[in-house]
Amino acid sequence: MARFQNTGQPDWDWWSRLWPTPGATLRKLGVESGESVAEVGCGSGYFALPAARIAESESVYAVDVDASLLDELDGRADRQGIDNVVPVHGDARNLTDVLPDSVSTLVVANTFHGVGDQSGLVEQAFRAIEPGGSLIIVNWHDRPRETTTVGTEPRGPPTALRTPPGETEDVVLSAAPFTLDRLVELPPYHYGLVFDR
């Protein structure tokens, strides 16, 4: 199992400067209490852990190919008293095989740019999401990398991997029968697209 292109795990300090309130971001994108969630490419859980707090008693499946990051996530969940996050070691390109159940909401945050077969991932996502559920894609705006700084350093994927919202929308809608619900701006450098299944 290989990582998606250019989707390494930044440290938590880096994330916290870019996303100071990940729970509020997830709520803005429509993650709600009582819904099961899966996060694809969850890393060490920067979004999966707040999603688990929002979901309350429902499961949050944290999917990643890197077992060491899932171990880190599991440790953080224990220290924070979160018992509904379920680390899932597996390849997101085989979501229907690795997820134990279908979910209400599937989140792909900061990784879609690195997926070689985006259409294949979208098809898998469609099958993994319950009817009436949502696919949420958080992506970097298509700005030159040197203009997206955190601290004093350019961060994020190479400029060539960044796509505008319309292009991401086209990929999703051409791959599976989702409908676009809304575009959510996530300053300073990201957008979120919420699709209904």
Protein backbone atom coordinates (compact mmCIF):
# COMPACT_ATOMS: atom_id res chain seq x y z
CA MET A 1 0.00 0.00 0.00
CA ALA A 2 1.53 3.28 -1.11
CA ARG A 3 0.63 6.73 0.10
CA PHE A 4 -1.20 9.10 -2.15
CA GLN A 5 1.18 11.49 -3.89
CA ASN A 6 2.44 14.34 -1.69
CA THR A 7 0.21 13.58 1.29
CA GLY A 8 2.70 13.25 4.12
CA GLN A 9 1.56 13.95 7.66
CA PRO A 10 2.52 17.42 8.95
CA ASP A 11 3.03 17.82 12.68
CA TRP A 12 0.20 18.99 14.94
CA ASP A 13 1.72 22.44 15.45
CA TRP A 14 1.65 22.98 11.69
CA TRP A 15 -1.96 21.79 11.50
CA SER A 16 -3.04 23.95 14.43
CA ARG A 17 -1.74 27.09 12.73
CA LEU A 18 -3.59 26.23 9.55
CA TRP A 19 -6.73 24.76 11.18
CA PRO A 20 -7.03 26.25 14.70
CA THR A 21 -10.56 24.87 15.20
CA PRO A 22 -10.92 21.59 13.27
CA GLY A 23 -14.20 20.72 14.99
CA ALA A 24 -15.77 24.02 13.92
CA THR A 25 -14.51 23.43 10.38
CA LEU A 26 -16.17 20.00 10.30
CA ARG A 27 -19.45 21.43 11.62
CA LYS A 28 -19.31 24.15 8.96
CA LEU A 29 -19.00 21.36 6.38
CA GLY A 30 -22.04 19.56 7.77
CA VAL A 31 -20.67 16.88 10.11
CA GLU A 32 -23.38 16.41 12.73
CA SER A 33 -24.05 14.57 15.95
CA GLY A 34 -25.43 11.08 15.56
CA GLU A 35 -23.87 10.44 12.14
CA SER A 36 -21.27 7.81 11.39
CA VAL A 37 -18.18 9.22 9.69
CA ALA A 38 -15.15 7.92 7.83
CA GLU A 39 -12.07 10.03 7.17
CA VAL A 40 -9.88 8.86 4.31
CA GLY A 41 -6.17 9.50 4.76
CA CYS A 42 -6.70 10.46 8.40
CA GLY A 43 -3.03 10.50 9.41
CA SER A 44 -2.70 10.89 13.15
CA GLY A 45 -6.27 12.10 13.58
CA TYR A 46 -6.32 15.89 13.41
CA PHE A 47 -9.82 15.78 11.90
CA ALA A 48 -10.88 12.26 12.91
CA LEU A 49 -10.68 13.00 16.64
CA PRO A 50 -12.89 16.12 16.57
CA ALA A 51 -15.24 14.25 14.21
CA ALA A 52 -15.55 11.57 16.89
CA ARG A 53 -16.47 14.21 19.47
CA ILE A 54 -19.15 15.59 17.14
CA ALA A 55 -20.51 12.15 16.22
CA GLU A 56 -20.79 11.27 19.94
CA SER A 57 -21.80 7.60 20.18
CA GLU A 58 -21.57 6.89 16.43
CA SER A 59 -18.41 5.36 15.01
CA VAL A 60 -15.78 7.41 13.22
CA TYR A 61 -13.61 5.23 11.00
CA ALA A 62 -10.12 6.66 10.58
CA VAL A 63 -8.64 5.13 7.41
CA ASP A 64 -4.94 5.28 6.58
CA VAL A 65 -2.24 3.08 5.02
CA ASP A 66 0.32 4.12 7.65
CA ALA A 67 -0.02 1.87 10.71
CA SER A 68 2.32 4.05 12.79
CA LEU A 69 0.07 7.09 12.29
CA LEU A 70 -2.96 5.02 13.28
CA ASP A 71 -1.10 3.93 16.43
CA GLU A 72 -0.46 7.60 17.20
CA LEU A 73 -4.14 8.38 16.61
CA ASP A 74 -5.17 5.52 18.90
CA GLY A 75 -2.90 6.83 21.66
CA ARG A 76 -4.29 10.34 21.31
CA ALA A 77 -7.85 9.01 21.43
CA ASP A 78 -7.05 7.13 24.66
CA ARG A 79 -5.47 10.20 26.26
CA GLN A 80 -8.46 12.34 25.27
CA GLY A 81 -11.03 9.80 26.43
CA ILE A 82 -12.46 9.28 22.94
CA ASP A 83 -13.74 5.74 22.48
CA ASN A 84 -15.73 5.91 19.24
CA VAL A 85 -12.87 6.46 16.79
CA VAL A 86 -11.99 3.22 14.99
CA PRO A 87 -8.56 3.10 13.32
CA VAL A 88 -8.76 1.24 10.00
CA HIS A 89 -5.49 0.15 8.43
CA GLY A 90 -6.13 -0.12 4.73
CA ASP A 91 -6.04 1.41 1.31
CA ALA A 92 -8.71 4.01 0.63
CA ARG A 93 -8.78 2.84 -2.96
CA ASN A 94 -10.58 -0.25 -1.59
CA LEU A 95 -12.96 1.51 0.80
CA THR A 96 -15.78 -0.97 0.49
CA ASP A 97 -13.40 -3.75 1.52
CA VAL A 98 -11.74 -1.94 4.44
CA LEU A 99 -14.73 -0.20 6.03
CA PRO A 100 -16.77 -2.48 8.30
CA ASP A 101 -19.99 -0.52 7.64
CA SER A 102 -21.35 2.14 5.33
CA VAL A 103 -21.24 5.68 6.75
CA SER A 104 -23.35 8.82 6.77
CA THR A 105 -20.44 11.10 5.94
CA LEU A 106 -17.13 10.45 4.26
CA VAL A 107 -14.41 13.10 4.58
CA VAL A 108 -11.37 13.41 2.31
CA ALA A 109 -9.36 16.27 3.83
CA ASN A 110 -6.12 17.52 2.31
CA THR A 111 -5.47 14.32 0.35
CA PHE A 112 -7.62 14.38 -2.81
CA HIS A 113 -4.92 16.29 -4.69
CA GLY A 114 -2.56 13.34 -4.32
CA VAL A 115 -4.90 10.57 -5.48
CA GLY A 116 -3.75 9.09 -8.77
CA ASP A 117 -7.14 7.56 -9.58
CA GLN A 118 -9.54 10.18 -8.25
CA SER A 119 -12.49 8.74 -10.17
CA GLY A 120 -11.86 5.32 -8.64
CA LEU A 121 -11.79 6.79 -5.14
CA VAL A 122 -15.05 8.66 -5.80
CA GLU A 123 -16.70 5.45 -7.04
CA GLN A 124 -15.55 3.65 -3.87
CA ALA A 125 -16.81 6.54 -1.74
CA PHE A 126 -20.23 6.40 -3.39
CA ARG A 127 -20.56 2.72 -2.51
CA ALA A 128 -19.33 3.34 1.06
CA ILE A 129 -21.78 6.16 1.84
CA GLU A 130 -25.36 5.47 2.91
CA PRO A 131 -28.15 6.80 0.67
CA GLY A 132 -28.82 10.36 1.76
CA GLY A 133 -25.27 10.72 3.11
CA SER A 134 -22.50 13.12 2.15
CA LEU A 135 -19.06 13.18 0.61
CA ILE A 136 -16.91 16.08 1.82
CA ILE A 137 -13.72 16.98 -0.02
CA VAL A 138 -11.40 19.59 1.49
CA ASN A 139 -8.83 20.73 -1.04
CA TRP A 140 -6.16 23.39 -1.52
CA HIS A 141 -7.11 26.29 -3.77
CA ASP A 142 -5.11 26.39 -6.99
CA ARG A 143 -2.69 29.10 -5.88
CA PRO A 144 1.07 29.04 -6.34
CA ARG A 145 2.67 27.12 -3.48
CA GLU A 146 4.95 30.02 -2.62
CA THR A 147 1.86 32.10 -1.73
CA THR A 148 0.42 29.55 0.75
CA THR A 149 2.64 29.99 3.75
CA VAL A 150 2.34 28.68 7.29
CA GLY A 151 4.69 30.60 9.53
CA THR A 152 7.28 31.77 7.05
CA GLU A 153 7.45 28.66 4.85
CA PRO A 154 5.47 27.75 1.74
CA ARG A 155 3.33 24.72 2.57
CA GLY A 156 0.95 22.36 0.88
CA PRO A 157 1.19 20.31 -2.29
CA PRO A 158 3.10 21.42 -5.37
CA THR A 159 1.24 24.01 -7.42
CA ALA A 160 0.70 21.51 -10.24
CA LEU A 161 -1.37 19.22 -7.97
CA ARG A 162 -3.83 21.92 -6.89
CA THR A 163 -7.21 22.13 -8.57
CA PRO A 164 -9.94 24.77 -8.57
CA PRO A 165 -13.31 23.85 -7.07
CA GLY A 166 -14.96 23.48 -10.49
CA GLU A 167 -12.39 20.94 -11.61
CA THR A 168 -12.76 18.90 -8.43
CA GLU A 169 -16.54 19.06 -8.83
CA ASP A 170 -16.27 17.79 -12.42
CA VAL A 171 -14.14 14.82 -11.33
CA VAL A 172 -16.64 13.82 -8.65
CA LEU A 173 -19.80 14.27 -10.74
CA SER A 174 -18.36 12.42 -13.72
CA ALA A 175 -17.34 9.45 -11.55
CA ALA A 176 -20.51 8.79 -9.53
CA PRO A 177 -24.10 10.07 -9.27
CA PHE A 178 -23.47 12.53 -6.46
CA THR A 179 -25.04 16.00 -6.53
CA LEU A 180 -23.19 19.09 -5.36
CA ASP A 181 -24.81 20.55 -2.27
CA ARG A 182 -22.47 23.48 -1.69
CA LEU A 183 -19.04 25.05 -1.87
CA VAL A 184 -17.63 26.23 1.46
CA GLU A 185 -14.69 28.62 1.56
CA LEU A 186 -12.14 27.65 4.22
CA PRO A 187 -9.68 30.53 4.55
CA PRO A 188 -6.90 31.09 4.16
CA TYR A 189 -6.03 28.46 1.53
CA HIS A 190 -8.73 25.78 1.25
CA TYR A 191 -12.23 25.11 0.04
CA GLY A 192 -14.67 22.36 0.88
CA LEU A 193 -17.11 20.72 -1.50
CA VAL A 194 -20.09 18.92 -0.01
CA PHE A 195 -21.79 16.34 -2.21
CA ASP A 196 -25.03 14.50 -1.50
CA ARG A 197 -25.45 10.85 -2.30
